PDB file of all heavy atoms in Angstrom:
ATOM      1  N   ASP A   1      -4.612 -16.232   7.131  1.00  0.00           N
ATOM      2  CA  ASP A   1      -3.252 -15.742   7.330  1.00  0.00           C
ATOM      3  C   ASP A   1      -3.319 -14.211   7.293  1.00  0.00           C
ATOM      4  O   ASP A   1      -3.501 -13.613   6.223  1.00  0.00           O
ATOM      5  CB  ASP A   1      -2.354 -16.276   6.216  1.00  0.00           C
ATOM      6  CG  ASP A   1      -0.878 -16.226   6.566  1.00  0.00           C
ATOM      7  OD1 ASP A   1      -0.519 -15.525   7.526  1.00  0.00           O
ATOM      8  OD2 ASP A   1      -0.085 -16.884   5.861  1.00  0.00           O
ATOM      9  N   ALA A   2      -3.215 -13.578   8.448  1.00  0.00           N
ATOM     10  CA  ALA A   2      -3.437 -12.130   8.569  1.00  0.00           C
ATOM     11  C   ALA A   2      -2.121 -11.377   8.693  1.00  0.00           C
ATOM     12  O   ALA A   2      -1.243 -11.756   9.468  1.00  0.00           O
ATOM     13  CB  ALA A   2      -4.317 -11.835   9.784  1.00  0.00           C
ATOM     14  N   ILE A   3      -1.998 -10.298   7.936  1.00  0.00           N
ATOM     15  CA  ILE A   3      -0.774  -9.484   7.929  1.00  0.00           C
ATOM     16  C   ILE A   3      -1.086  -8.167   8.629  1.00  0.00           C
ATOM     17  O   ILE A   3      -1.706  -7.271   8.060  1.00  0.00           O
ATOM     18  CB  ILE A   3      -0.278  -9.247   6.492  1.00  0.00           C
ATOM     19  CG1 ILE A   3      -0.079 -10.600   5.801  1.00  0.00           C
ATOM     20  CG2 ILE A   3       1.033  -8.466   6.490  1.00  0.00           C
ATOM     21  CD1 ILE A   3      -0.140 -10.527   4.313  1.00  0.00           C
ATOM     22  N   LEU A   4      -0.645  -8.063   9.869  1.00  0.00           N
ATOM     23  CA  LEU A   4      -0.910  -6.893  10.700  1.00  0.00           C
ATOM     24  C   LEU A   4       0.323  -6.026  10.880  1.00  0.00           C
ATOM     25  O   LEU A   4       0.208  -4.886  11.335  1.00  0.00           O
ATOM     26  CB  LEU A   4      -1.408  -7.331  12.088  1.00  0.00           C
ATOM     27  CG  LEU A   4      -2.498  -8.404  12.146  1.00  0.00           C
ATOM     28  CD1 LEU A   4      -2.916  -8.629  13.603  1.00  0.00           C
ATOM     29  CD2 LEU A   4      -3.690  -8.030  11.295  1.00  0.00           C
ATOM     30  N   ASN A   5       1.483  -6.542  10.544  1.00  0.00           N
ATOM     31  CA  ASN A   5       2.743  -5.858  10.838  1.00  0.00           C
ATOM     32  C   ASN A   5       3.063  -4.732   9.870  1.00  0.00           C
ATOM     33  O   ASN A   5       3.676  -3.738  10.259  1.00  0.00           O
ATOM     34  CB  ASN A   5       3.887  -6.878  10.814  1.00  0.00           C
ATOM     35  CG  ASN A   5       5.245  -6.236  11.024  1.00  0.00           C
ATOM     36  OD1 ASN A   5       5.529  -5.703  12.090  1.00  0.00           O
ATOM     37  ND2 ASN A   5       6.094  -6.266   9.993  1.00  0.00           N
ATOM     38  N   HIS A   6       2.645  -4.860   8.611  1.00  0.00           N
ATOM     39  CA  HIS A   6       3.188  -3.962   7.595  1.00  0.00           C
ATOM     40  C   HIS A   6       2.256  -3.819   6.394  1.00  0.00           C
ATOM     41  O   HIS A   6       1.278  -4.554   6.261  1.00  0.00           O
ATOM     42  CB  HIS A   6       4.555  -4.487   7.118  1.00  0.00           C
ATOM     43  CG  HIS A   6       4.471  -5.891   6.575  1.00  0.00           C
ATOM     44  ND1 HIS A   6       4.796  -6.998   7.334  1.00  0.00           N
ATOM     45  CD2 HIS A   6       4.083  -6.379   5.363  1.00  0.00           C
ATOM     46  CE1 HIS A   6       4.619  -8.096   6.605  1.00  0.00           C
ATOM     47  NE2 HIS A   6       4.186  -7.751   5.411  1.00  0.00           N
ATOM     48  N   MET A   7       2.616  -2.889   5.538  1.00  0.00           N
ATOM     49  CA  MET A   7       2.046  -2.774   4.204  1.00  0.00           C
ATOM     50  C   MET A   7       3.170  -3.063   3.208  1.00  0.00           C
ATOM     51  O   MET A   7       4.298  -3.352   3.601  1.00  0.00           O
ATOM     52  CB  MET A   7       1.430  -1.397   4.000  1.00  0.00           C
ATOM     53  CG  MET A   7       0.323  -1.060   4.992  1.00  0.00           C
ATOM     54  SD  MET A   7      -1.092  -2.192   4.964  1.00  0.00           S
ATOM     55  CE  MET A   7      -1.955  -1.598   3.499  1.00  0.00           C
ATOM     56  N   CYS A   8       2.879  -2.970   1.917  1.00  0.00           N
ATOM     57  CA  CYS A   8       3.852  -3.408   0.908  1.00  0.00           C
ATOM     58  C   CYS A   8       5.066  -2.490   0.835  1.00  0.00           C
ATOM     59  O   CYS A   8       5.033  -1.325   1.240  1.00  0.00           O
ATOM     60  CB  CYS A   8       3.185  -3.513  -0.455  1.00  0.00           C
ATOM     61  SG  CYS A   8       2.707  -1.941  -1.194  1.00  0.00           S
ATOM     62  N   ALA A   9       6.141  -3.039   0.304  1.00  0.00           N
ATOM     63  CA  ALA A   9       7.373  -2.282   0.069  1.00  0.00           C
ATOM     64  C   ALA A   9       7.236  -1.481  -1.234  1.00  0.00           C
ATOM     65  O   ALA A   9       6.239  -1.583  -1.950  1.00  0.00           O
ATOM     66  CB  ALA A   9       8.557  -3.235  -0.001  1.00  0.00           C
ATOM     67  N   ASP A  10       8.260  -0.706  -1.525  1.00  0.00           N
ATOM     68  CA  ASP A  10       8.255   0.093  -2.752  1.00  0.00           C
ATOM     69  C   ASP A  10       8.187  -0.814  -3.980  1.00  0.00           C
ATOM     70  O   ASP A  10       8.876  -1.843  -4.050  1.00  0.00           O
ATOM     71  CB  ASP A  10       9.526   0.951  -2.831  1.00  0.00           C
ATOM     72  CG  ASP A  10       9.571   2.007  -1.737  1.00  0.00           C
ATOM     73  OD1 ASP A  10       8.513   2.304  -1.155  1.00  0.00           O
ATOM     74  OD2 ASP A  10      10.684   2.523  -1.463  1.00  0.00           O
ATOM     75  N   GLN A  11       7.360  -0.427  -4.927  1.00  0.00           N
ATOM     76  CA  GLN A  11       7.241  -1.115  -6.210  1.00  0.00           C
ATOM     77  C   GLN A  11       7.081  -0.066  -7.301  1.00  0.00           C
ATOM     78  O   GLN A  11       6.468   0.986  -7.065  1.00  0.00           O
ATOM     79  CB  GLN A  11       6.025  -2.044  -6.215  1.00  0.00           C
ATOM     80  CG  GLN A  11       6.132  -3.259  -5.320  1.00  0.00           C
ATOM     81  CD  GLN A  11       7.059  -4.318  -5.876  1.00  0.00           C
ATOM     82  OE1 GLN A  11       7.354  -4.338  -7.072  1.00  0.00           O
ATOM     83  NE2 GLN A  11       7.529  -5.191  -5.005  1.00  0.00           N
ATOM     84  N   PRO A  12       7.599  -0.320  -8.499  1.00  0.00           N
ATOM     85  CA  PRO A  12       7.343   0.615  -9.601  1.00  0.00           C
ATOM     86  C   PRO A  12       5.869   0.570  -9.995  1.00  0.00           C
ATOM     87  O   PRO A  12       5.306  -0.512 -10.196  1.00  0.00           O
ATOM     88  CB  PRO A  12       8.255   0.090 -10.720  1.00  0.00           C
ATOM     89  CG  PRO A  12       8.504  -1.346 -10.384  1.00  0.00           C
ATOM     90  CD  PRO A  12       8.496  -1.433  -8.891  1.00  0.00           C
ATOM     91  N   ASN A  13       5.222   1.725 -10.057  1.00  0.00           N
ATOM     92  CA  ASN A  13       3.810   1.828 -10.441  1.00  0.00           C
ATOM     93  C   ASN A  13       2.938   0.836  -9.663  1.00  0.00           C
ATOM     94  O   ASN A  13       2.272  -0.030 -10.246  1.00  0.00           O
ATOM     95  CB  ASN A  13       3.651   1.587 -11.945  1.00  0.00           C
ATOM     96  CG  ASN A  13       4.481   2.537 -12.774  1.00  0.00           C
ATOM     97  OD1 ASN A  13       4.498   3.740 -12.525  1.00  0.00           O
ATOM     98  ND2 ASN A  13       5.208   1.983 -13.754  1.00  0.00           N
ATOM     99  N   PRO A  14       2.929   0.930  -8.331  1.00  0.00           N
ATOM    100  CA  PRO A  14       2.226  -0.076  -7.523  1.00  0.00           C
ATOM    101  C   PRO A  14       0.719  -0.061  -7.754  1.00  0.00           C
ATOM    102  O   PRO A  14       0.073   0.984  -7.730  1.00  0.00           O
ATOM    103  CB  PRO A  14       2.563   0.335  -6.092  1.00  0.00           C
ATOM    104  CG  PRO A  14       2.896   1.787  -6.169  1.00  0.00           C
ATOM    105  CD  PRO A  14       3.550   1.983  -7.498  1.00  0.00           C
ATOM    106  N   ILE A  15       0.184  -1.245  -8.009  1.00  0.00           N
ATOM    107  CA  ILE A  15      -1.254  -1.431  -8.134  1.00  0.00           C
ATOM    108  C   ILE A  15      -1.599  -2.776  -7.522  1.00  0.00           C
ATOM    109  O   ILE A  15      -0.819  -3.729  -7.603  1.00  0.00           O
ATOM    110  CB  ILE A  15      -1.718  -1.355  -9.603  1.00  0.00           C
ATOM    111  CG1 ILE A  15      -3.248  -1.383  -9.666  1.00  0.00           C
ATOM    112  CG2 ILE A  15      -1.097  -2.465 -10.445  1.00  0.00           C
ATOM    113  CD1 ILE A  15      -3.807  -1.034 -11.034  1.00  0.00           C
ATOM    114  N   GLY A  16      -2.750  -2.851  -6.869  1.00  0.00           N
ATOM    115  CA  GLY A  16      -3.125  -4.058  -6.160  1.00  0.00           C
ATOM    116  C   GLY A  16      -3.935  -5.029  -6.995  1.00  0.00           C
ATOM    117  O   GLY A  16      -4.403  -4.704  -8.100  1.00  0.00           O
ATOM    118  N   THR A  17      -4.133  -6.217  -6.456  1.00  0.00           N
ATOM    119  CA  THR A  17      -4.893  -7.266  -7.135  1.00  0.00           C
ATOM    120  C   THR A  17      -6.363  -6.910  -7.279  1.00  0.00           C
ATOM    121  O   THR A  17      -7.082  -7.554  -8.053  1.00  0.00           O
ATOM    122  CB  THR A  17      -4.750  -8.593  -6.369  1.00  0.00           C
ATOM    123  OG1 THR A  17      -4.884  -8.348  -4.961  1.00  0.00           O
ATOM    124  CG2 THR A  17      -3.393  -9.228  -6.629  1.00  0.00           C
ATOM    125  N   GLY A  18      -6.823  -5.894  -6.538  1.00  0.00           N
ATOM    126  CA  GLY A  18      -8.192  -5.421  -6.682  1.00  0.00           C
ATOM    127  C   GLY A  18      -8.282  -4.063  -7.335  1.00  0.00           C
ATOM    128  O   GLY A  18      -9.355  -3.453  -7.371  1.00  0.00           O
ATOM    129  N   GLY A  19      -7.141  -3.555  -7.843  1.00  0.00           N
ATOM    130  CA  GLY A  19      -7.120  -2.267  -8.531  1.00  0.00           C
ATOM    131  C   GLY A  19      -6.753  -1.087  -7.659  1.00  0.00           C
ATOM    132  O   GLY A  19      -6.661   0.046  -8.156  1.00  0.00           O
ATOM    133  N   SER A  20      -6.518  -1.280  -6.366  1.00  0.00           N
ATOM    134  CA  SER A  20      -6.138  -0.166  -5.491  1.00  0.00           C
ATOM    135  C   SER A  20      -4.731   0.309  -5.832  1.00  0.00           C
ATOM    136  O   SER A  20      -3.871  -0.470  -6.259  1.00  0.00           O
ATOM    137  CB  SER A  20      -6.186  -0.592  -4.021  1.00  0.00           C
ATOM    138  OG  SER A  20      -7.497  -0.927  -3.637  1.00  0.00           O
ATOM    139  N   THR A  21      -4.493   1.598  -5.617  1.00  0.00           N
ATOM    140  CA  THR A  21      -3.174   2.176  -5.835  1.00  0.00           C
ATOM    141  C   THR A  21      -2.657   2.749  -4.520  1.00  0.00           C
ATOM    142  O   THR A  21      -3.407   2.970  -3.565  1.00  0.00           O
ATOM    143  CB  THR A  21      -3.217   3.279  -6.895  1.00  0.00           C
ATOM    144  OG1 THR A  21      -4.137   4.302  -6.477  1.00  0.00           O
ATOM    145  CG2 THR A  21      -3.657   2.721  -8.243  1.00  0.00           C
ATOM    146  N   ALA A  22      -1.342   2.975  -4.482  1.00  0.00           N
ATOM    147  CA  ALA A  22      -0.695   3.509  -3.287  1.00  0.00           C
ATOM    148  C   ALA A  22       0.612   4.146  -3.695  1.00  0.00           C
ATOM    149  O   ALA A  22       1.088   3.984  -4.834  1.00  0.00           O
ATOM    150  CB  ALA A  22      -0.455   2.399  -2.260  1.00  0.00           C
ATOM    151  N   ASN A  23       1.212   4.871  -2.773  1.00  0.00           N
ATOM    152  CA  ASN A  23       2.559   5.417  -2.940  1.00  0.00           C
ATOM    153  C   ASN A  23       3.372   4.997  -1.729  1.00  0.00           C
ATOM    154  O   ASN A  23       3.527   5.757  -0.772  1.00  0.00           O
ATOM    155  CB  ASN A  23       2.518   6.937  -3.063  1.00  0.00           C
ATOM    156  CG  ASN A  23       3.880   7.526  -3.422  1.00  0.00           C
ATOM    157  OD1 ASN A  23       4.909   6.881  -3.224  1.00  0.00           O
ATOM    158  ND2 ASN A  23       3.891   8.747  -3.933  1.00  0.00           N
ATOM    159  N   PRO A  24       3.877   3.753  -1.719  1.00  0.00           N
ATOM    160  CA  PRO A  24       4.593   3.256  -0.546  1.00  0.00           C
ATOM    161  C   PRO A  24       5.784   4.130  -0.154  1.00  0.00           C
ATOM    162  O   PRO A  24       6.077   4.267   1.036  1.00  0.00           O
ATOM    163  CB  PRO A  24       5.036   1.853  -0.972  1.00  0.00           C
ATOM    164  CG  PRO A  24       4.082   1.461  -2.047  1.00  0.00           C
ATOM    165  CD  PRO A  24       3.770   2.729  -2.779  1.00  0.00           C
ATOM    166  N   GLY A  25       6.457   4.701  -1.137  1.00  0.00           N
ATOM    167  CA  GLY A  25       7.616   5.535  -0.831  1.00  0.00           C
ATOM    168  C   GLY A  25       7.274   6.731   0.034  1.00  0.00           C
ATOM    169  O   GLY A  25       8.114   7.216   0.806  1.00  0.00           O
ATOM    170  N   LYS A  26       6.045   7.198  -0.059  1.00  0.00           N
ATOM    171  CA  LYS A  26       5.580   8.321   0.765  1.00  0.00           C
ATOM    172  C   LYS A  26       4.584   7.861   1.831  1.00  0.00           C
ATOM    173  O   LYS A  26       3.895   8.673   2.457  1.00  0.00           O
ATOM    174  CB  LYS A  26       4.951   9.392  -0.123  1.00  0.00           C
ATOM    175  CG  LYS A  26       5.960  10.073  -1.046  1.00  0.00           C
ATOM    176  CD  LYS A  26       5.342  11.264  -1.751  1.00  0.00           C
ATOM    177  CE  LYS A  26       6.354  11.950  -2.665  1.00  0.00           C
ATOM    178  NZ  LYS A  26       7.490  12.515  -1.917  1.00  0.00           N
ATOM    179  N   PHE A  27       4.497   6.531   2.028  1.00  0.00           N
ATOM    180  CA  PHE A  27       3.658   5.948   3.077  1.00  0.00           C
ATOM    181  C   PHE A  27       2.183   6.340   2.910  1.00  0.00           C
ATOM    182  O   PHE A  27       1.478   6.546   3.893  1.00  0.00           O
ATOM    183  CB  PHE A  27       4.166   6.356   4.470  1.00  0.00           C
ATOM    184  CG  PHE A  27       5.579   5.921   4.742  1.00  0.00           C
ATOM    185  CD1 PHE A  27       6.657   6.744   4.410  1.00  0.00           C
ATOM    186  CD2 PHE A  27       5.843   4.677   5.299  1.00  0.00           C
ATOM    187  CE1 PHE A  27       7.965   6.331   4.643  1.00  0.00           C
ATOM    188  CE2 PHE A  27       7.155   4.259   5.531  1.00  0.00           C
ATOM    189  CZ  PHE A  27       8.220   5.088   5.201  1.00  0.00           C
ATOM    190  N   GLN A  28       1.744   6.379   1.663  1.00  0.00           N
ATOM    191  CA  GLN A  28       0.365   6.720   1.360  1.00  0.00           C
ATOM    192  C   GLN A  28      -0.357   5.482   0.823  1.00  0.00           C
ATOM    193  O   GLN A  28      -0.020   4.968  -0.253  1.00  0.00           O
ATOM    194  CB  GLN A  28       0.288   7.855   0.332  1.00  0.00           C
ATOM    195  CG  GLN A  28       0.854   9.178   0.803  1.00  0.00           C
ATOM    196  CD  GLN A  28      -0.049   9.874   1.819  1.00  0.00           C
ATOM    197  OE1 GLN A  28      -1.158   9.422   2.116  1.00  0.00           O
ATOM    198  NE2 GLN A  28       0.422  10.993   2.364  1.00  0.00           N
ATOM    199  N   PHE A  29      -1.308   4.985   1.606  1.00  0.00           N
ATOM    200  CA  PHE A  29      -2.135   3.847   1.196  1.00  0.00           C
ATOM    201  C   PHE A  29      -3.579   4.310   1.270  1.00  0.00           C
ATOM    202  O   PHE A  29      -4.255   4.178   2.288  1.00  0.00           O
ATOM    203  CB  PHE A  29      -1.860   2.644   2.112  1.00  0.00           C
ATOM    204  CG  PHE A  29      -0.463   2.086   1.961  1.00  0.00           C
ATOM    205  CD1 PHE A  29       0.599   2.620   2.684  1.00  0.00           C
ATOM    206  CD2 PHE A  29      -0.211   1.055   1.076  1.00  0.00           C
ATOM    207  CE1 PHE A  29       1.880   2.125   2.543  1.00  0.00           C
ATOM    208  CE2 PHE A  29       1.071   0.551   0.922  1.00  0.00           C
ATOM    209  CZ  PHE A  29       2.119   1.086   1.644  1.00  0.00           C
ATOM    210  N   TRP A  30      -4.062   4.873   0.161  1.00  0.00           N
ATOM    211  CA  TRP A  30      -5.326   5.590   0.143  1.00  0.00           C
ATOM    212  C   TRP A  30      -6.534   4.697   0.378  1.00  0.00           C
ATOM    213  O   TRP A  30      -7.553   5.156   0.884  1.00  0.00           O
ATOM    214  CB  TRP A  30      -5.461   6.336  -1.193  1.00  0.00           C
ATOM    215  CG  TRP A  30      -4.339   7.325  -1.388  1.00  0.00           C
ATOM    216  CD1 TRP A  30      -4.111   8.448  -0.651  1.00  0.00           C
ATOM    217  CD2 TRP A  30      -3.311   7.267  -2.368  1.00  0.00           C
ATOM    218  NE1 TRP A  30      -2.985   9.113  -1.110  1.00  0.00           N
ATOM    219  CE2 TRP A  30      -2.468   8.405  -2.173  1.00  0.00           C
ATOM    220  CE3 TRP A  30      -2.983   6.378  -3.389  1.00  0.00           C
ATOM    221  CZ2 TRP A  30      -1.355   8.665  -2.958  1.00  0.00           C
ATOM    222  CZ3 TRP A  30      -1.870   6.637  -4.180  1.00  0.00           C
ATOM    223  CH2 TRP A  30      -1.068   7.769  -3.956  1.00  0.00           C
ATOM    224  N   ALA A  31      -6.446   3.421   0.017  1.00  0.00           N
ATOM    225  CA  ALA A  31      -7.607   2.540   0.142  1.00  0.00           C
ATOM    226  C   ALA A  31      -7.923   2.178   1.582  1.00  0.00           C
ATOM    227  O   ALA A  31      -9.003   1.658   1.866  1.00  0.00           O
ATOM    228  CB  ALA A  31      -7.392   1.268  -0.686  1.00  0.00           C
ATOM    229  N   VAL A  32      -6.993   2.449   2.543  1.00  0.00           N
ATOM    230  CA  VAL A  32      -7.274   2.066   3.931  1.00  0.00           C
ATOM    231  C   VAL A  32      -8.146   3.104   4.643  1.00  0.00           C
ATOM    232  O   VAL A  32      -9.223   2.714   5.158  1.00  0.00           O
ATOM    233  CB  VAL A  32      -5.964   1.773   4.685  1.00  0.00           C
ATOM    234  CG1 VAL A  32      -6.285   1.382   6.130  1.00  0.00           C
ATOM    235  CG2 VAL A  32      -5.175   0.635   4.000  1.00  0.00           C
ATOM    236  N   PRO A  33      -7.773   4.383   4.807  1.00  0.00           N
ATOM    237  CA  PRO A  33      -6.513   5.012   4.359  1.00  0.00           C
ATOM    238  C   PRO A  33      -5.460   5.051   5.472  1.00  0.00           C
ATOM    239  O   PRO A  33      -5.786   5.175   6.650  1.00  0.00           O
ATOM    240  CB  PRO A  33      -6.986   6.438   4.052  1.00  0.00           C
ATOM    241  CG  PRO A  33      -8.073   6.691   5.055  1.00  0.00           C
ATOM    242  CD  PRO A  33      -8.748   5.372   5.306  1.00  0.00           C
ATOM    243  N   TYR A  34      -4.185   4.958   5.046  1.00  0.00           N
ATOM    244  CA  TYR A  34      -3.030   5.167   5.918  1.00  0.00           C
ATOM    245  C   TYR A  34      -2.179   6.290   5.328  1.00  0.00           C
ATOM    246  O   TYR A  34      -2.075   6.427   4.094  1.00  0.00           O
ATOM    247  CB  TYR A  34      -2.150   3.925   6.005  1.00  0.00           C
ATOM    248  CG  TYR A  34      -2.654   2.798   6.885  1.00  0.00           C
ATOM    249  CD1 TYR A  34      -2.430   1.473   6.516  1.00  0.00           C
ATOM    250  CD2 TYR A  34      -3.302   3.047   8.089  1.00  0.00           C
ATOM    251  CE1 TYR A  34      -2.858   0.414   7.324  1.00  0.00           C
ATOM    252  CE2 TYR A  34      -3.738   2.000   8.906  1.00  0.00           C
ATOM    253  CZ  TYR A  34      -3.508   0.683   8.509  1.00  0.00           C
ATOM    254  OH  TYR A  34      -3.931  -0.352   9.309  1.00  0.00           O
ATOM    255  N   GLY A  35      -1.539   7.055   6.234  1.00  0.00           N
ATOM    256  CA  GLY A  35      -0.560   8.058   5.847  1.00  0.00           C
ATOM    257  C   GLY A  35       0.695   7.892   6.674  1.00  0.00           C
ATOM    258  O   GLY A  35       0.799   6.964   7.488  1.00  0.00           O
ATOM    259  N   PRO A  36       1.680   8.772   6.505  1.00  0.00           N
ATOM    260  CA  PRO A  36       2.960   8.634   7.218  1.00  0.00           C
ATOM    261  C   PRO A  36       2.807   8.535   8.727  1.00  0.00           C
ATOM    262  O   PRO A  36       3.631   7.883   9.401  1.00  0.00           O
ATOM    263  CB  PRO A  36       3.721   9.905   6.817  1.00  0.00           C
ATOM    264  CG  PRO A  36       3.113  10.312   5.521  1.00  0.00           C
ATOM    265  CD  PRO A  36       1.669   9.918   5.586  1.00  0.00           C
TER     266      PRO A  36
END
């Protein structure tokens, strides 16, 4: 089941199931990496 459309929504202190962090509010997903 592949999710190609989006990344996660805003969450307080977002951390992933593998320990990755991000700042969804600023569209920063460092583990990919993706930016705005």
